Amino acid sequence: MAEDGTVTVYGSSTLADSKHSNPFSIKVGLAQLLRGGAVVEATSLQQAKIAEEAGACSILISEPPPRGAAISRMPDPSLVKEIKRAVSIPVIARARAGHFVEAQILEAIDVDYIDEGEVLGPADEHNHINKHNFRTPFICGCRDLGEALRRVREGAAMIRAQGDVAGGNIASTVRSVRAVMGEIRVLSNMDEDEVFGFAKRIGAPYDLLAQAKQVGRLPVVQFAAGGIATPADAALVMQLGCDGVFVGSEIFDCPDPYKRVRAIVQAVRHYTDPHVLAEASSGLEEQMAGLSLMREQIENQTA
């Protein structure tokens, strides 16, 4: 990797980018603008407008869930353009993991961020996109520290600790967040000599692992995604160490989606204040009716 793009991210780092793309430091700086916010997934212009009015920091545009076993792909570029014209907050769109042509298309229509989404199903089962070849900042998912740092090495400017996408079950999201934060705590207590072995064990680039040890966190912004359905859910992952949350489009499946989105936005902003959280959580029982866990999910969780 070229050395002409050396940057400082939460400390010292030596990441580089292609000469034809933005320096990595700029991409990370753009991702940091979303810290302390809620990214809301929207499948229509109306949903995007509601999310913006409720205080979302960004809109994640996606196609409506496919029927049956159909494959999810990047959103229709015409929908992306329509929403970009209508809202004033940043717009994120998903490309399938490894599908660099979808990413090229999304960059060509000037999305603000690209989410290389494993939730869509991978286009390439063995390779991720080389994100250093793009001007647009990328967001990638992870379930542990090694995976997070591998995605950062590829050029991800934001990491989301990923849980289950549907069902309102936050348990797997919490598991991913705790896995990342727990491994960082273990790393922080290691001697310098032990870091080499730990890097090999978790499959992480040594230089990024050393930086994470130095700063006590990931070298980029970390959000949480999956199953965040209530203000308490949002505050939980924030208190566990996340910088923000992703909220799925199922939040709009209720009589008053503005109230639900606004409650989660307030919870992210005031995640350490139980009085604000209590107020944000009040009167949402009817709104949560569509997000109850299925019996099969509960049985699987307790098995």
C-alpha atoms as a PDB file:
ATOM      1  CA  MET A   1       0.000   0.000   0.000  1.00  0.00           C
ATOM      2  CA  ALA A   2       1.280   3.456  -0.893  1.00  0.00           C
ATOM      3  CA  GLU A   3       2.599   5.668   1.870  1.00  0.00           C
ATOM      4  CA  ASP A   4       1.473   9.049   0.478  1.00  0.00           C
ATOM      5  CA  GLY A   5      -1.803   9.092   2.372  1.00  0.00           C
ATOM      6  CA  THR A   6      -0.602   8.850   5.956  1.00  0.00           C
ATOM      7  CA  VAL A   7      -3.248  10.025   8.396  1.00  0.00           C
ATOM      8  CA  THR A   8      -3.955  10.474  12.063  1.00  0.00           C
ATOM      9  CA  VAL A   9      -7.190   8.896  13.291  1.00  0.00           C
ATOM     10  CA  TYR A  10      -7.881   8.868  17.054  1.00  0.00           C
ATOM     11  CA  GLY A  11      -4.098   8.733  17.411  1.00  0.00           C
ATOM     12  CA  SER A  12      -1.233   7.759  15.130  1.00  0.00           C
ATOM     13  CA  SER A  13      -1.926   5.634  12.069  1.00  0.00           C
ATOM     14  CA  THR A  14      -0.419   4.803   8.699  1.00  0.00           C
ATOM     15  CA  LEU A  15      -3.330   4.112   6.400  1.00  0.00           C
ATOM     16  CA  ALA A  16      -3.125   5.165   2.774  1.00  0.00           C
ATOM     17  CA  ASP A  17      -5.464   5.594  -0.177  1.00  0.00           C
ATOM     18  CA  SER A  18      -5.316   5.499  -3.930  1.00  0.00           C
ATOM     19  CA  LYS A  19      -4.097   8.733  -5.495  1.00  0.00           C
ATOM     20  CA  HIS A  20      -7.469   9.057  -7.241  1.00  0.00           C
ATOM     21  CA  SER A  21      -9.550   9.024  -4.050  1.00  0.00           C
ATOM     22  CA  ASN A  22      -9.929  11.217  -0.981  1.00  0.00           C
ATOM     23  CA  PRO A  23      -7.267  10.705   1.693  1.00  0.00           C
ATOM     24  CA  PHE A  24      -8.423   8.284   4.344  1.00  0.00           C
ATOM     25  CA  SER A  25      -8.293  11.019   6.979  1.00  0.00           C
ATOM     26  CA  ILE A  26     -10.941  13.012   5.099  1.00  0.00           C
ATOM     27  CA  LYS A  27     -13.221   9.985   4.863  1.00  0.00           C
ATOM     28  CA  VAL A  28     -12.857   9.250   8.570  1.00  0.00           C
ATOM     29  CA  GLY A  29     -13.531  12.907   9.357  1.00  0.00           C
ATOM     30  CA  LEU A  30     -16.744  12.761   7.324  1.00  0.00           C
ATOM     31  CA  ALA A  31     -17.819   9.634   9.199  1.00  0.00           C
ATOM     32  CA  GLN A  32     -17.118  11.343  12.527  1.00  0.00           C
ATOM     33  CA  LEU A  33     -19.713  13.976  11.615  1.00  0.00           C
ATOM     34  CA  LEU A  34     -22.373  11.332  12.297  1.00  0.00           C
ATOM     35  CA  ARG A  35     -21.203  10.631  15.872  1.00  0.00           C
ATOM     36  CA  GLY A  36     -23.925  10.901  18.488  1.00  0.00           C
ATOM     37  CA  GLY A  37     -26.690  10.390  15.955  1.00  0.00           C
ATOM     38  CA  ALA A  38     -29.196   7.861  14.682  1.00  0.00           C
ATOM     39  CA  VAL A  39     -29.038   6.660  11.082  1.00  0.00           C
ATOM     40  CA  VAL A  40     -32.543   5.662   9.974  1.00  0.00           C
ATOM     41  CA  GLU A  41     -33.204   3.230   7.136  1.00  0.00           C
ATOM     42  CA  ALA A  42     -35.883   4.374   4.680  1.00  0.00           C
ATOM     43  CA  THR A  43     -37.424   2.656   1.665  1.00  0.00           C
ATOM     44  CA  SER A  44     -39.412   5.638   0.346  1.00  0.00           C
ATOM     45  CA  LEU A  45     -39.274   9.409   0.082  1.00  0.00           C
ATOM     46  CA  GLN A  46     -42.021   9.780   2.693  1.00  0.00           C
ATOM     47  CA  GLN A  47     -40.081   7.717   5.230  1.00  0.00           C
ATOM     48  CA  ALA A  48     -36.916   9.707   4.545  1.00  0.00           C
ATOM     49  CA  LYS A  49     -38.743  12.989   5.199  1.00  0.00           C
ATOM     50  CA  ILE A  50     -40.181  11.664   8.466  1.00  0.00           C
ATOM     51  CA  ALA A  51     -36.727  10.546   9.609  1.00  0.00           C
ATOM     52  CA  GLU A  52     -35.210  13.939   8.819  1.00  0.00           C
ATOM     53  CA  GLU A  53     -37.990  15.793  10.635  1.00  0.00           C
ATOM     54  CA  ALA A  54     -37.533  13.523  13.671  1.00  0.00           C
ATOM     55  CA  GLY A  55     -33.845  14.385  13.940  1.00  0.00           C
ATOM     56  CA  ALA A  56     -32.023  11.516  12.207  1.00  0.00           C
ATOM     57  CA  CYS A  57     -28.389  12.328  11.415  1.00  0.00           C
ATOM     58  CA  SER A  58     -28.528  10.453   8.107  1.00  0.00           C
ATOM     59  CA  ILE A  59     -30.814   8.385   5.880  1.00  0.00           C
ATOM     60  CA  LEU A  60     -29.884   4.842   4.853  1.00  0.00           C
ATOM     61  CA  ILE A  61     -31.742   4.187   1.598  1.00  0.00           C
ATOM     62  CA  SER A  62     -32.704   0.615   0.821  1.00  0.00           C
ATOM     63  CA  GLU A  63     -35.126  -1.280  -1.361  1.00  0.00           C
ATOM     64  CA  PRO A  64     -38.299  -2.675   0.245  1.00  0.00           C
ATOM     65  CA  PRO A  65     -37.640  -6.194   1.617  1.00  0.00           C
ATOM     66  CA  PRO A  66     -37.841  -8.733  -1.236  1.00  0.00           C
ATOM     67  CA  ARG A  67     -40.480 -11.429  -1.241  1.00  0.00           C
ATOM     68  CA  GLY A  68     -39.498 -14.994  -0.522  1.00  0.00           C
ATOM     69  CA  ALA A  69     -35.864 -15.877  -1.173  1.00  0.00           C
ATOM     70  CA  ALA A  70     -35.219 -13.009  -3.584  1.00  0.00           C
ATOM     71  CA  ILE A  71     -31.806 -11.346  -3.378  1.00  0.00           C
ATOM     72  CA  SER A  72     -31.547  -7.803  -2.015  1.00  0.00           C
ATOM     73  CA  ARG A  73     -29.446  -5.447  -4.095  1.00  0.00           C
ATOM     74  CA  MET A  74     -28.426  -1.797  -4.067  1.00  0.00           C
ATOM     75  CA  PRO A  75     -31.367   0.656  -4.102  1.00  0.00           C
ATOM     76  CA  ASP A  76     -32.742   2.036  -7.354  1.00  0.00           C
ATOM     77  CA  PRO A  77     -30.549   5.022  -8.335  1.00  0.00           C
ATOM     78  CA  SER A  78     -33.683   7.027  -9.179  1.00  0.00           C
ATOM     79  CA  LEU A  79     -34.923   6.578  -5.597  1.00  0.00           C
ATOM     80  CA  VAL A  80     -31.536   7.682  -4.248  1.00  0.00           C
ATOM     81  CA  LYS A  81     -31.570  10.812  -6.423  1.00  0.00           C
ATOM     82  CA  GLU A  82     -35.156  11.616  -5.428  1.00  0.00           C
ATOM     83  CA  ILE A  83     -34.378  11.384  -1.709  1.00  0.00           C
ATOM     84  CA  LYS A  84     -31.111  13.337  -2.058  1.00  0.00           C
ATOM     85  CA  ARG A  85     -33.024  16.206  -3.667  1.00  0.00           C
ATOM     86  CA  ALA A  86     -35.646  16.214  -0.930  1.00  0.00           C
ATOM     87  CA  VAL A  87     -33.554  16.027   2.278  1.00  0.00           C
ATOM     88  CA  SER A  88     -30.718  18.127   3.644  1.00  0.00           C
ATOM     89  CA  ILE A  89     -29.013  15.442   5.764  1.00  0.00           C
ATOM     90  CA  PRO A  90     -26.412  12.951   4.457  1.00  0.00           C
ATOM     91  CA  VAL A  91     -27.603   9.971   2.441  1.00  0.00           C
ATOM     92  CA  ILE A  92     -26.203   6.433   2.711  1.00  0.00           C
ATOM     93  CA  ALA A  93     -26.879   3.636   0.211  1.00  0.00           C
ATOM     94  CA  ARG A  94     -25.938  -0.035   0.363  1.00  0.00           C
ATOM     95  CA  ALA A  95     -23.858  -2.051  -2.071  1.00  0.00           C
ATOM     96  CA  ARG A  96     -23.512  -5.804  -1.775  1.00  0.00           C
ATOM     97  CA  ALA A  97     -20.319  -7.065  -0.171  1.00  0.00           C
ATOM     98  CA  GLY A  98     -17.623  -7.346  -2.812  1.00  0.00           C
ATOM     99  CA  HIS A  99     -19.740  -5.718  -5.564  1.00  0.00           C
ATOM    100  CA  PHE A 100     -17.455  -2.849  -6.535  1.00  0.00           C
ATOM    101  CA  VAL A 101     -19.580  -1.979  -9.599  1.00  0.00           C
ATOM    102  CA  GLU A 102     -22.602  -1.237  -7.401  1.00  0.00           C
ATOM    103  CA  ALA A 103     -20.286   0.970  -5.345  1.00  0.00           C
ATOM    104  CA  GLN A 104     -19.107   2.731  -8.521  1.00  0.00           C
ATOM    105  CA  ILE A 105     -22.721   3.442  -9.470  1.00  0.00           C
ATOM    106  CA  LEU A 106     -23.564   4.807  -6.018  1.00  0.00           C
ATOM    107  CA  GLU A 107     -20.497   7.031  -6.038  1.00  0.00           C
ATOM    108  CA  ALA A 108     -21.433   8.306  -9.506  1.00  0.00           C
ATOM    109  CA  ILE A 109     -24.803   9.523  -8.191  1.00  0.00           C
ATOM    110  CA  ASP A 110     -23.067  11.284  -5.296  1.00  0.00           C
ATOM    111  CA  VAL A 111     -24.259   9.403  -2.229  1.00  0.00           C
ATOM    112  CA  ASP A 112     -22.567  10.713   0.905  1.00  0.00           C
ATOM    113  CA  TYR A 113     -21.612   7.278   2.262  1.00  0.00           C
ATOM    114  CA  ILE A 114     -21.649   3.712   0.918  1.00  0.00           C
ATOM    115  CA  ASP A 115     -22.574   0.822   3.201  1.00  0.00           C
ATOM    116  CA  GLU A 116     -20.933  -2.403   2.059  1.00  0.00           C
ATOM    117  CA  GLY A 117     -23.806  -4.437   3.393  1.00  0.00           C
ATOM    118  CA  GLU A 118     -23.417  -8.097   4.201  1.00  0.00           C
ATOM    119  CA  VAL A 119     -27.119  -8.005   5.075  1.00  0.00           C
ATOM    120  CA  LEU A 120     -27.872  -7.848   1.319  1.00  0.00           C
ATOM    121  CA  GLY A 121     -26.039 -11.077   0.661  1.00  0.00           C
ATOM    122  CA  PRO A 122     -22.505 -11.029  -0.748  1.00  0.00           C
ATOM    123  CA  ALA A 123     -21.775 -10.671  -4.444  1.00  0.00           C
ATOM    124  CA  ASP A 124     -18.267 -12.019  -3.776  1.00  0.00           C
ATOM    125  CA  GLU A 125     -18.044 -14.576  -0.990  1.00  0.00           C
ATOM    126  CA  HIS A 126     -14.274 -14.254  -0.574  1.00  0.00           C
ATOM    127  CA  ASN A 127     -13.399 -10.618  -1.233  1.00  0.00           C
ATOM    128  CA  HIS A 128     -14.596  -7.235  -0.015  1.00  0.00           C
ATOM    129  CA  ILE A 129     -14.425  -4.019  -1.997  1.00  0.00           C
ATOM    130  CA  ASN A 130     -11.095  -2.187  -2.004  1.00  0.00           C
ATOM    131  CA  LYS A 131     -12.528   0.946  -0.472  1.00  0.00           C
ATOM    132  CA  HIS A 132      -9.313   2.934  -0.940  1.00  0.00           C
ATOM    133  CA  ASN A 133     -10.195   3.206  -4.643  1.00  0.00           C
ATOM    134  CA  PHE A 134     -13.243   5.376  -3.914  1.00  0.00           C
ATOM    135  CA  ARG A 135     -13.741   8.997  -2.890  1.00  0.00           C
ATOM    136  CA  THR A 136     -16.861   8.150  -0.874  1.00  0.00           C
ATOM    137  CA  PRO A 137     -16.497   6.971   2.763  1.00  0.00           C
ATOM    138  CA  PHE A 138     -17.501   3.346   3.346  1.00  0.00           C
ATOM    139  CA  ILE A 139     -19.321   1.721   6.255  1.00  0.00           C
ATOM    140  CA  CYS A 140     -18.797  -1.980   7.032  1.00  0.00           C
ATOM    141  CA  GLY A 141     -20.180  -4.415   9.571  1.00  0.00           C
ATOM    142  CA  CYS A 142     -18.350  -6.609  12.068  1.00  0.00           C
ATOM    143  CA  ARG A 143     -18.988  -9.080  14.855  1.00  0.00           C
ATOM    144  CA  ASP A 144     -15.576  -8.970  16.549  1.00  0.00           C
ATOM    145  CA  LEU A 145     -12.399  -6.893  16.730  1.00  0.00           C
ATOM    146  CA  GLY A 146     -10.454  -8.845  14.119  1.00  0.00           C
ATOM    147  CA  GLU A 147     -13.181  -8.436  11.527  1.00  0.00           C
ATOM    148  CA  ALA A 148     -13.527  -4.729  12.351  1.00  0.00           C
ATOM    149  CA  LEU A 149      -9.831  -4.034  11.825  1.00  0.00           C
ATOM    150  CA  ARG A 150      -9.721  -6.065   8.598  1.00  0.00           C
ATOM    151  CA  ARG A 151     -12.504  -3.858   7.214  1.00  0.00           C
ATOM    152  CA  VAL A 152     -10.621  -0.721   8.323  1.00  0.00           C
ATOM    153  CA  ARG A 153      -7.503  -1.997   6.537  1.00  0.00           C
ATOM    154  CA  GLU A 154      -9.610  -2.300   3.373  1.00  0.00           C
ATOM    155  CA  GLY A 155     -10.622   1.359   3.776  1.00  0.00           C
ATOM    156  CA  ALA A 156     -13.787   1.412   5.917  1.00  0.00           C
ATOM    157  CA  ALA A 157     -14.253   4.825   7.564  1.00  0.00           C
ATOM    158  CA  MET A 158     -16.981   3.605   9.927  1.00  0.00           C
ATOM    159  CA  ILE A 159     -17.655   0.244  11.560  1.00  0.00           C
ATOM    160  CA  ARG A 160     -21.059  -0.977  12.693  1.00  0.00           C
ATOM    161  CA  ALA A 161     -21.293  -3.783  15.213  1.00  0.00           C
ATOM    162  CA  GLN A 162     -23.844  -5.934  13.432  1.00  0.00           C
ATOM    163  CA  GLY A 163     -26.679  -7.931  14.948  1.00  0.00           C
ATOM    164  CA  ASP A 164     -29.802  -9.562  13.522  1.00  0.00           C
ATOM    165  CA  VAL A 165     -31.501  -7.337  10.983  1.00  0.00           C
ATOM    166  CA  ALA A 166     -35.143  -8.211  11.655  1.00  0.00           C
ATOM    167  CA  GLY A 167     -37.333  -9.044  14.635  1.00  0.00           C
ATOM    168  CA  GLY A 168     -36.479  -6.392  17.202  1.00  0.00           C
ATOM    169  CA  ASN A 169     -33.974  -8.718  18.904  1.00  0.00           C
ATOM    170  CA  ILE A 170     -31.021  -6.729  20.200  1.00  0.00           C
ATOM    171  CA  ALA A 171     -29.216  -9.675  21.803  1.00  0.00           C
ATOM    172  CA  SER A 172     -26.947 -10.424  18.837  1.00  0.00           C
ATOM    173  CA  THR A 173     -26.104  -6.727  18.464  1.00  0.00           C
ATOM    174  CA  VAL A 174     -25.091  -6.527  22.111  1.00  0.00           C
ATOM    175  CA  ARG A 175     -23.016  -9.675  21.607  1.00  0.00           C
ATOM    176  CA  SER A 176     -21.110  -8.037  18.738  1.00  0.00           C
ATOM    177  CA  VAL A 177     -20.583  -4.771  20.628  1.00  0.00           C
ATOM    178  CA  ARG A 178     -19.357  -6.589  23.730  1.00  0.00           C
ATOM    179  CA  ALA A 179     -17.059  -8.780  21.623  1.00  0.00           C
ATOM    180  CA  VAL A 180     -15.351  -5.727  20.114  1.00  0.00           C
ATOM    181  CA  MET A 181     -15.145  -3.751  23.353  1.00  0.00           C
ATOM    182  CA  GLY A 182     -14.120  -6.792  25.395  1.00  0.00           C
ATOM    183  CA  GLU A 183     -11.242  -7.625  23.063  1.00  0.00           C
ATOM    184  CA  ILE A 184     -10.094  -3.992  23.186  1.00  0.00           C
ATOM    185  CA  ARG A 185     -10.032  -4.150  27.001  1.00  0.00           C
ATOM    186  CA  VAL A 186      -7.967  -7.344  26.836  1.00  0.00           C
ATOM    187  CA  LEU A 187      -5.670  -5.678  24.308  1.00  0.00           C
ATOM    188  CA  SER A 188      -5.188  -2.611  26.504  1.00  0.00           C
ATOM    189  CA  ASN A 189      -3.740  -4.772  29.294  1.00  0.00           C
ATOM    190  CA  MET A 190      -1.266  -6.606  27.060  1.00  0.00           C
ATOM    191  CA  ASP A 191       2.476  -6.108  26.928  1.00  0.00           C
ATOM    192  CA  GLU A 192       3.771  -4.865  23.588  1.00  0.00           C
ATOM    193  CA  ASP A 193       5.294  -8.285  22.883  1.00  0.00           C
ATOM    194  CA  GLU A 194       1.906  -9.982  23.290  1.00  0.00           C
ATOM    195  CA  VAL A 195       0.213  -7.833  20.654  1.00  0.00           C
ATOM    196  CA  PHE A 196       1.947  -9.691  17.797  1.00  0.00           C
ATOM    197  CA  GLY A 197       0.492 -13.022  18.890  1.00  0.00           C
ATOM    198  CA  PHE A 198      -2.929 -11.498  19.546  1.00  0.00           C
ATOM    199  CA  ALA A 199      -2.958  -9.962  16.052  1.00  0.00           C
ATOM    200  CA  LYS A 200      -2.266 -13.362  14.532  1.00  0.00           C
ATOM    201  CA  ARG A 201      -4.886 -15.049  16.720  1.00  0.00           C
ATOM    202  CA  ILE A 202      -7.749 -12.727  15.729  1.00  0.00           C
ATOM    203  CA  GLY A 203      -6.582 -12.124  12.162  1.00  0.00           C
ATOM    204  CA  ALA A 204      -6.079  -8.368  12.584  1.00  0.00           C
ATOM    205  CA  PRO A 205      -3.462  -6.085  10.981  1.00  0.00           C
ATOM    206  CA  TYR A 206      -0.772  -5.501  13.601  1.00  0.00           C
ATOM    207  CA  ASP A 207      -0.422  -1.737  13.053  1.00  0.00           C
ATOM    208  CA  LEU A 208      -4.162  -1.123  13.470  1.00  0.00           C
ATOM    209  CA  LEU A 209      -4.266  -3.371  16.524  1.00  0.00           C
ATOM    210  CA  ALA A 210      -1.379  -1.408  18.050  1.00  0.00           C
ATOM    211  CA  GLN A 211      -3.278   1.814  17.374  1.00  0.00           C
ATOM    212  CA  ALA A 212      -6.430   0.420  18.989  1.00  0.00           C
ATOM    213  CA  LYS A 213      -4.334  -0.479  22.027  1.00  0.00           C
ATOM    214  CA  GLN A 214      -2.936   3.043  22.187  1.00  0.00           C
ATOM    215  CA  VAL A 215      -6.276   4.870  21.958  1.00  0.00           C
ATOM    216  CA  GLY A 216      -8.411   2.270  23.759  1.00  0.00           C
ATOM    217  CA  ARG A 217     -11.025   1.996  20.996  1.00  0.00           C
ATOM    218  CA  LEU A 218     -11.411   1.326  17.291  1.00  0.00           C
ATOM    219  CA  PRO A 219      -9.474   3.764  15.090  1.00  0.00           C
ATOM    220  CA  VAL A 220     -12.729   4.793  13.367  1.00  0.00           C
ATOM    221  CA  VAL A 221     -16.295   5.597  14.397  1.00  0.00           C
ATOM    222  CA  GLN A 222     -18.280   2.606  15.692  1.00  0.00           C
ATOM    223  CA  PHE A 223     -22.069   2.375  15.404  1.00  0.00           C
ATOM    224  CA  ALA A 224     -24.417  -0.488  16.309  1.00  0.00           C
ATOM    225  CA  ALA A 225     -27.013  -1.995  13.974  1.00  0.00           C
ATOM    226  CA  GLY A 226     -29.711  -4.618  14.266  1.00  0.00           C
ATOM    227  CA  GLY A 227     -32.683  -4.988  16.591  1.00  0.00           C
ATOM    228  CA  ILE A 228     -32.589  -1.430  17.944  1.00  0.00           C
ATOM    229  CA  ALA A 229     -36.325  -0.846  18.383  1.00  0.00           C
ATOM    230  CA  THR A 230     -36.713   1.207  21.576  1.00  0.00           C
ATOM    231  CA  PRO A 231     -35.037   4.208  23.244  1.00  0.00           C
ATOM    232  CA  ALA A 232     -33.668   1.842  25.876  1.00  0.00           C
ATOM    233  CA  ASP A 233     -32.078  -0.332  23.174  1.00  0.00           C
ATOM    234  CA  ALA A 234     -30.365   2.707  21.690  1.00  0.00           C
ATOM    235  CA  ALA A 235     -29.115   3.927  25.066  1.00  0.00           C
ATOM    236  CA  LEU A 236     -27.851   0.426  25.913  1.00  0.00           C
ATOM    237  CA  VAL A 237     -25.450   0.196  22.965  1.00  0.00           C
ATOM    238  CA  MET A 238     -24.376   3.812  23.473  1.00  0.00           C
ATOM    239  CA  GLN A 239     -23.471   3.100  27.097  1.00  0.00           C
ATOM    240  CA  LEU A 240     -21.567   0.019  25.944  1.00  0.00           C
ATOM    241  CA  GLY A 241     -19.294   2.300  23.930  1.00  0.00           C
ATOM    242  CA  CYS A 242     -20.886   2.913  20.514  1.00  0.00           C
ATOM    243  CA  ASP A 243     -20.851   6.314  18.807  1.00  0.00           C
ATOM    244  CA  GLY A 244     -24.342   6.034  17.311  1.00  0.00           C
ATOM    245  CA  VAL A 245     -26.978   3.620  16.043  1.00  0.00           C
ATOM    246  CA  PHE A 246     -28.609   2.336  12.876  1.00  0.00           C
ATOM    247  CA  VAL A 247     -32.386   1.948  13.016  1.00  0.00           C
ATOM    248  CA  GLY A 248     -34.155  -0.402  10.584  1.00  0.00           C
ATOM    249  CA  SER A 249     -37.044   0.543   8.318  1.00  0.00           C
ATOM    250  CA  GLU A 250     -39.442  -1.560  10.427  1.00  0.00           C
ATOM    251  CA  ILE A 251     -39.626   1.451  12.734  1.00  0.00           C
ATOM    252  CA  PHE A 252     -42.096   2.925  10.231  1.00  0.00           C
ATOM    253  CA  ASP A 253     -44.526  -0.001  10.671  1.00  0.00           C
ATOM    254  CA  CYS A 254     -46.648   1.772  13.280  1.00  0.00           C
ATOM    255  CA  PRO A 255     -49.357   4.454  13.516  1.00  0.00           C
ATOM    256  CA  ASP A 256     -46.912   7.244  14.478  1.00  0.00           C
ATOM    257  CA  PRO A 257     -43.393   6.591  13.112  1.00  0.00           C
ATOM    258  CA  TYR A 258     -42.291  10.177  13.813  1.00  0.00           C
ATOM    259  CA  LYS A 259     -42.803   9.629  17.545  1.00  0.00           C
ATOM    260  CA  ARG A 260     -40.778   6.412  17.521  1.00  0.00           C
ATOM    261  CA  VAL A 261     -37.886   7.832  15.510  1.00  0.00           C
ATOM    262  CA  ARG A 262     -37.819  10.970  17.643  1.00  0.00           C
ATOM    263  CA  ALA A 263     -37.738   8.890  20.833  1.00  0.00           C
ATOM    264  CA  ILE A 264     -34.700   6.937  19.644  1.00  0.00           C
ATOM    265  CA  VAL A 265     -32.946  10.117  18.477  1.00  0.00           C
ATOM    266  CA  GLN A 266     -33.456  11.622  21.943  1.00  0.00           C
ATOM    267  CA  ALA A 267     -32.189   8.443  23.591  1.00  0.00           C
ATOM    268  CA  VAL A 268     -28.971   8.531  21.553  1.00  0.00           C
ATOM    269  CA  ARG A 269     -28.384  12.173  22.433  1.00  0.00           C
ATOM    270  CA  HIS A 270     -29.122  11.715  26.162  1.00  0.00           C
ATOM    271  CA  TYR A 271     -28.164   8.071  26.679  1.00  0.00           C
ATOM    272  CA  THR A 272     -26.812   8.621  30.208  1.00  0.00           C
ATOM    273  CA  ASP A 273     -29.866  10.515  31.511  1.00  0.00           C
ATOM    274  CA  PRO A 274     -32.504   8.052  32.802  1.00  0.00           C
ATOM    275  CA  HIS A 275     -35.086  10.828  33.209  1.00  0.00           C
ATOM    276  CA  VAL A 276     -34.899  11.745  29.510  1.00  0.00           C
ATOM    277  CA  LEU A 277     -34.937   8.044  28.617  1.00  0.00           C
ATOM    278  CA  ALA A 278     -38.048   7.489  30.732  1.00  0.00           C
ATOM    279  CA  GLU A 279     -39.817  10.354  29.017  1.00  0.00           C
ATOM    280  CA  ALA A 280     -38.747   9.155  25.564  1.00  0.00           C
ATOM    281  CA  SER A 281     -39.968   5.633  26.335  1.00  0.00           C
ATOM    282  CA  SER A 282     -43.401   6.720  27.580  1.00  0.00           C
ATOM    283  CA  GLY A 283     -46.423   5.942  25.443  1.00  0.00           C
ATOM    284  CA  LEU A 284     -44.603   3.695  22.983  1.00  0.00           C
ATOM    285  CA  GLU A 285     -46.238   0.377  23.907  1.00  0.00           C
ATOM    286  CA  GLU A 286     -48.690   0.547  21.006  1.00  0.00           C
ATOM    287  CA  GLN A 287     -45.888   1.668  18.707  1.00  0.00           C
ATOM    288  CA  MET A 288     -43.835  -1.416  19.617  1.00  0.00           C
ATOM    289  CA  ALA A 289     -46.614  -3.895  18.868  1.00  0.00           C
ATOM    290  CA  GLY A 290     -45.180  -4.881  15.488  1.00  0.00           C
ATOM    291  CA  LEU A 291     -41.705  -5.553  16.849  1.00  0.00           C
ATOM    292  CA  SER A 292     -42.395  -8.401  19.259  1.00  0.00           C
ATOM    293  CA  LEU A 293     -40.004 -11.333  18.983  1.00  0.00           C
ATOM    294  CA  MET A 294     -41.364 -14.401  17.270  1.00  0.00           C
ATOM    295  CA  ARG A 295     -41.615 -17.498  19.473  1.00  0.00           C
ATOM    296  CA  GLU A 296     -38.993 -19.264  17.342  1.00  0.00           C
ATOM    297  CA  GLN A 297     -36.509 -16.449  17.939  1.00  0.00           C
ATOM    298  CA  ILE A 298     -37.041 -16.575  21.692  1.00  0.00           C
ATOM    299  CA  GLU A 299     -36.607 -20.363  21.750  1.00  0.00           C
ATOM    300  CA  ASN A 300     -33.406 -20.108  19.713  1.00  0.00           C
ATOM    301  CA  GLN A 301     -32.084 -17.416  22.041  1.00  0.00           C
ATOM    302  CA  THR A 302     -32.706 -19.478  25.178  1.00  0.00           C
ATOM    303  CA  ALA A 303     -31.590 -22.835  23.753  1.00  0.00           C
END
